Amino acid sequence: MEDISVITAVHHPLRRRIFDYLLLYGTSQVTGISRALGSQVGSISHHLRMLERAGVVERAEDPDGDRRTSWWTLSRKGFSWSADDYAQAPADALLAREAERNGIRAQIDRLQRWRHRHRAGELPEYDGFNTEYLGWATPEELQELSRRLRDTLSEWRSSIDDSDGRRRVPVFFFSHAFPTEP
């Protein structure tokens, strides 16, 4: 189970964007992150320190050896948790539910930003997709579906050859599977 401090640190909107940036682009300088995310250097530095306290990022050596610049890298690549993990500690459960809401909001916001950009004609060669499915499953079958999706995504990601010179853009995939009613 993840420590609640990790969950709350990562699910702050700007810190989540910093995490995602470092996940996509690797070790980066504060000024580069600031420029890419459209945020002040001081704010980015503050949020990096918050992520550092939670064990999510760490300071990195400047590739040029210049000690006057601040470089950061991820300490870890992902998280696996559920708000239900914190049911025994009411204060942590409250924080986990809020982090879960923030995460879902961030997913929907990404989708809406993509739809807006796509309608505006940006990256017209990239078509997103929507997949929905309704069926029946036991708890074990639902867990198996989750495992298979993670394995498929991991295999897909590792099959991409970045050295072929083709243009790529960051892609975000999200899915939720849960018991429902018609």
Protein backbone atom coordinates (compact mmCIF):
# COMPACT_ATOMS: atom_id res chain seq x y z
CA MET A 1 0.00 0.00 0.00
CA GLU A 2 1.30 3.45 -0.90
CA ASP A 3 1.96 5.89 1.91
CA ILE A 4 -0.78 8.54 1.89
CA SER A 5 1.87 11.30 1.65
CA VAL A 6 2.90 9.91 -1.77
CA ILE A 7 -0.69 9.83 -2.99
CA THR A 8 -1.48 13.36 -1.85
CA ALA A 9 1.82 14.70 -3.20
CA VAL A 10 1.31 13.30 -6.70
CA HIS A 11 -2.36 14.15 -7.02
CA HIS A 12 -1.91 17.89 -6.71
CA PRO A 13 -2.65 19.20 -10.24
CA LEU A 14 0.72 20.91 -10.88
CA ARG A 15 2.75 18.19 -9.20
CA ARG A 16 0.99 15.59 -11.34
CA ARG A 17 1.95 17.56 -14.46
CA ILE A 18 5.56 17.74 -13.22
CA PHE A 19 5.57 13.98 -12.62
CA ASP A 20 4.13 13.34 -16.09
CA TYR A 21 6.67 15.70 -17.69
CA LEU A 22 9.59 13.91 -16.04
CA LEU A 23 8.10 10.54 -16.96
CA LEU A 24 7.94 11.55 -20.63
CA TYR A 25 11.10 13.62 -20.99
CA GLY A 26 13.39 12.20 -18.29
CA THR A 27 15.87 14.13 -16.19
CA SER A 28 15.18 17.84 -16.66
CA GLN A 29 16.22 21.27 -15.50
CA VAL A 30 13.77 23.36 -13.47
CA THR A 31 13.73 26.13 -16.07
CA GLY A 32 12.82 23.66 -18.82
CA ILE A 33 9.99 22.21 -16.77
CA SER A 34 8.79 25.72 -15.91
CA ARG A 35 8.77 26.78 -19.55
CA ALA A 36 7.02 23.60 -20.73
CA LEU A 37 4.31 23.80 -18.07
CA GLY A 38 3.82 27.56 -18.24
CA SER A 39 4.53 28.04 -14.55
CA GLN A 40 6.99 30.17 -12.56
CA VAL A 41 10.41 28.66 -11.73
CA GLY A 42 9.83 29.29 -8.01
CA SER A 43 6.54 27.43 -8.08
CA ILE A 44 8.05 24.47 -9.95
CA SER A 45 10.96 24.37 -7.46
CA HIS A 46 8.55 24.39 -4.53
CA HIS A 47 6.48 21.53 -5.96
CA LEU A 48 9.61 19.52 -6.84
CA ARG A 49 10.69 19.76 -3.20
CA MET A 50 7.24 18.52 -2.13
CA LEU A 51 7.59 15.56 -4.50
CA GLU A 52 11.13 14.99 -3.21
CA ARG A 53 9.85 14.78 0.40
CA ALA A 54 7.36 12.13 -0.73
CA GLY A 55 10.13 10.13 -2.44
CA VAL A 56 8.77 10.66 -5.95
CA VAL A 57 11.62 12.73 -7.44
CA GLU A 58 15.26 13.31 -6.61
CA ARG A 59 17.91 15.80 -7.51
CA ALA A 60 20.09 14.84 -10.45
CA GLU A 61 23.57 15.80 -11.58
CA ASP A 62 23.77 18.55 -14.17
CA PRO A 63 24.92 16.80 -17.37
CA ASP A 64 27.34 19.71 -18.00
CA GLY A 65 28.68 19.70 -14.44
CA ASP A 66 27.34 23.20 -13.73
CA ARG A 67 26.34 23.20 -10.06
CA ARG A 68 24.36 26.45 -10.40
CA THR A 69 21.45 24.74 -12.17
CA SER A 70 18.82 22.50 -10.61
CA TRP A 71 18.12 19.17 -12.32
CA TRP A 72 15.55 16.58 -11.28
CA THR A 73 14.65 12.99 -12.12
CA LEU A 74 11.96 10.54 -11.07
CA SER A 75 12.65 8.16 -8.20
CA ARG A 76 9.82 5.93 -9.39
CA LYS A 77 7.75 5.47 -12.53
CA GLY A 78 4.26 4.73 -11.26
CA PHE A 79 1.79 4.07 -8.46
CA SER A 80 -0.83 1.48 -7.72
CA TRP A 81 -3.42 2.26 -5.08
CA SER A 82 -7.11 2.46 -4.27
CA ALA A 83 -8.94 4.80 -1.93
CA ASP A 84 -10.22 1.63 -0.24
CA ASP A 85 -6.64 0.92 0.91
CA TYR A 86 -7.05 3.66 3.53
CA ALA A 87 -10.46 2.68 4.93
CA GLN A 88 -9.03 1.89 8.39
CA ALA A 89 -7.66 5.42 8.90
CA PRO A 90 -10.46 8.00 8.48
CA ALA A 91 -8.16 11.01 7.91
CA ASP A 92 -6.13 9.11 5.31
CA ALA A 93 -9.32 7.80 3.70
CA LEU A 94 -10.55 11.37 3.28
CA LEU A 95 -7.24 12.41 1.68
CA ALA A 96 -7.28 9.35 -0.58
CA ARG A 97 -10.82 10.06 -1.79
CA GLU A 98 -9.85 13.65 -2.59
CA ALA A 99 -6.74 12.45 -4.44
CA GLU A 100 -8.93 10.01 -6.36
CA ARG A 101 -11.32 12.85 -7.33
CA ASN A 102 -8.36 15.01 -8.41
CA GLY A 103 -7.01 12.14 -10.51
CA ILE A 104 -10.33 11.59 -12.28
CA ARG A 105 -10.73 15.35 -12.85
CA ALA A 106 -7.23 15.45 -14.35
CA GLN A 107 -8.06 12.57 -16.70
CA ILE A 108 -11.25 14.24 -17.90
CA ASP A 109 -9.45 17.60 -18.26
CA ARG A 110 -6.82 15.96 -20.47
CA LEU A 111 -9.53 14.45 -22.63
CA GLN A 112 -11.32 17.80 -22.96
CA ARG A 113 -8.06 19.62 -23.82
CA TRP A 114 -7.36 16.99 -26.50
CA ARG A 115 -10.87 17.33 -27.97
CA HIS A 116 -10.47 21.12 -28.08
CA ARG A 117 -7.07 20.88 -29.78
CA HIS A 118 -8.31 18.25 -32.22
CA ARG A 119 -11.32 20.35 -33.22
CA ALA A 120 -8.98 23.33 -33.66
CA GLY A 121 -7.03 21.33 -36.25
CA GLU A 122 -3.91 20.72 -34.17
CA LEU A 123 -2.23 17.40 -34.92
CA PRO A 124 -4.94 16.38 -37.40
CA GLU A 125 -3.07 13.17 -38.28
CA TYR A 126 -3.62 11.89 -34.73
CA ASP A 127 -7.07 10.50 -34.02
CA GLY A 128 -7.80 9.56 -30.46
CA PHE A 129 -10.20 6.75 -29.74
CA ASN A 130 -12.92 5.81 -27.32
CA THR A 131 -13.57 2.24 -26.31
CA GLU A 132 -16.48 1.16 -24.19
CA TYR A 133 -17.57 -2.30 -23.19
CA LEU A 134 -20.33 -3.63 -20.98
CA GLY A 135 -20.23 -7.22 -19.76
CA TRP A 136 -20.23 -9.52 -16.75
CA ALA A 137 -17.30 -10.39 -14.46
CA THR A 138 -16.41 -11.82 -11.09
CA PRO A 139 -13.98 -9.83 -8.89
CA GLU A 140 -11.18 -12.16 -10.01
CA GLU A 141 -12.07 -11.71 -13.69
CA LEU A 142 -12.05 -7.93 -13.27
CA GLN A 143 -8.57 -8.14 -11.70
CA GLU A 144 -7.46 -10.34 -14.61
CA LEU A 145 -8.75 -7.75 -17.09
CA SER A 146 -6.75 -5.07 -15.30
CA ARG A 147 -3.59 -7.21 -15.40
CA ARG A 148 -4.04 -7.97 -19.11
CA LEU A 149 -4.53 -4.30 -19.97
CA ARG A 150 -1.38 -3.32 -18.01
CA ASP A 151 0.58 -6.10 -19.75
CA THR A 152 -0.69 -5.05 -23.19
CA LEU A 153 0.18 -1.40 -22.57
CA SER A 154 3.62 -2.32 -21.23
CA GLU A 155 4.30 -4.52 -24.27
CA TRP A 156 3.10 -1.77 -26.63
CA ARG A 157 5.31 0.85 -24.95
CA SER A 158 8.39 -1.37 -25.06
CA SER A 159 7.81 -2.17 -28.76
CA ILE A 160 8.28 1.46 -29.83
CA ASP A 161 11.68 2.09 -31.42
CA ASP A 162 12.60 5.74 -30.76
CA SER A 163 15.63 5.50 -33.03
CA ASP A 164 13.63 5.21 -36.27
CA GLY A 165 13.37 9.01 -36.65
CA ARG A 166 9.58 9.11 -36.87
CA ARG A 167 7.70 11.96 -35.22
CA ARG A 168 5.94 11.00 -32.01
CA VAL A 169 3.83 12.95 -29.53
CA PRO A 170 3.03 12.01 -25.92
CA VAL A 171 -0.06 9.79 -25.68
CA PHE A 172 -2.23 9.43 -22.58
CA PHE A 173 -4.34 6.31 -22.12
CA PHE A 174 -6.79 5.87 -19.29
CA SER A 175 -9.52 3.41 -18.52
CA HIS A 176 -11.78 2.60 -15.64
CA ALA A 177 -13.55 -0.70 -15.11
CA PHE A 178 -16.06 -1.05 -12.29
CA PRO A 179 -19.37 -2.65 -11.39
CA THR A 180 -22.28 -0.70 -12.86
CA GLU A 181 -25.98 -0.73 -13.55
CA PRO A 182 -27.73 -0.28 -16.91
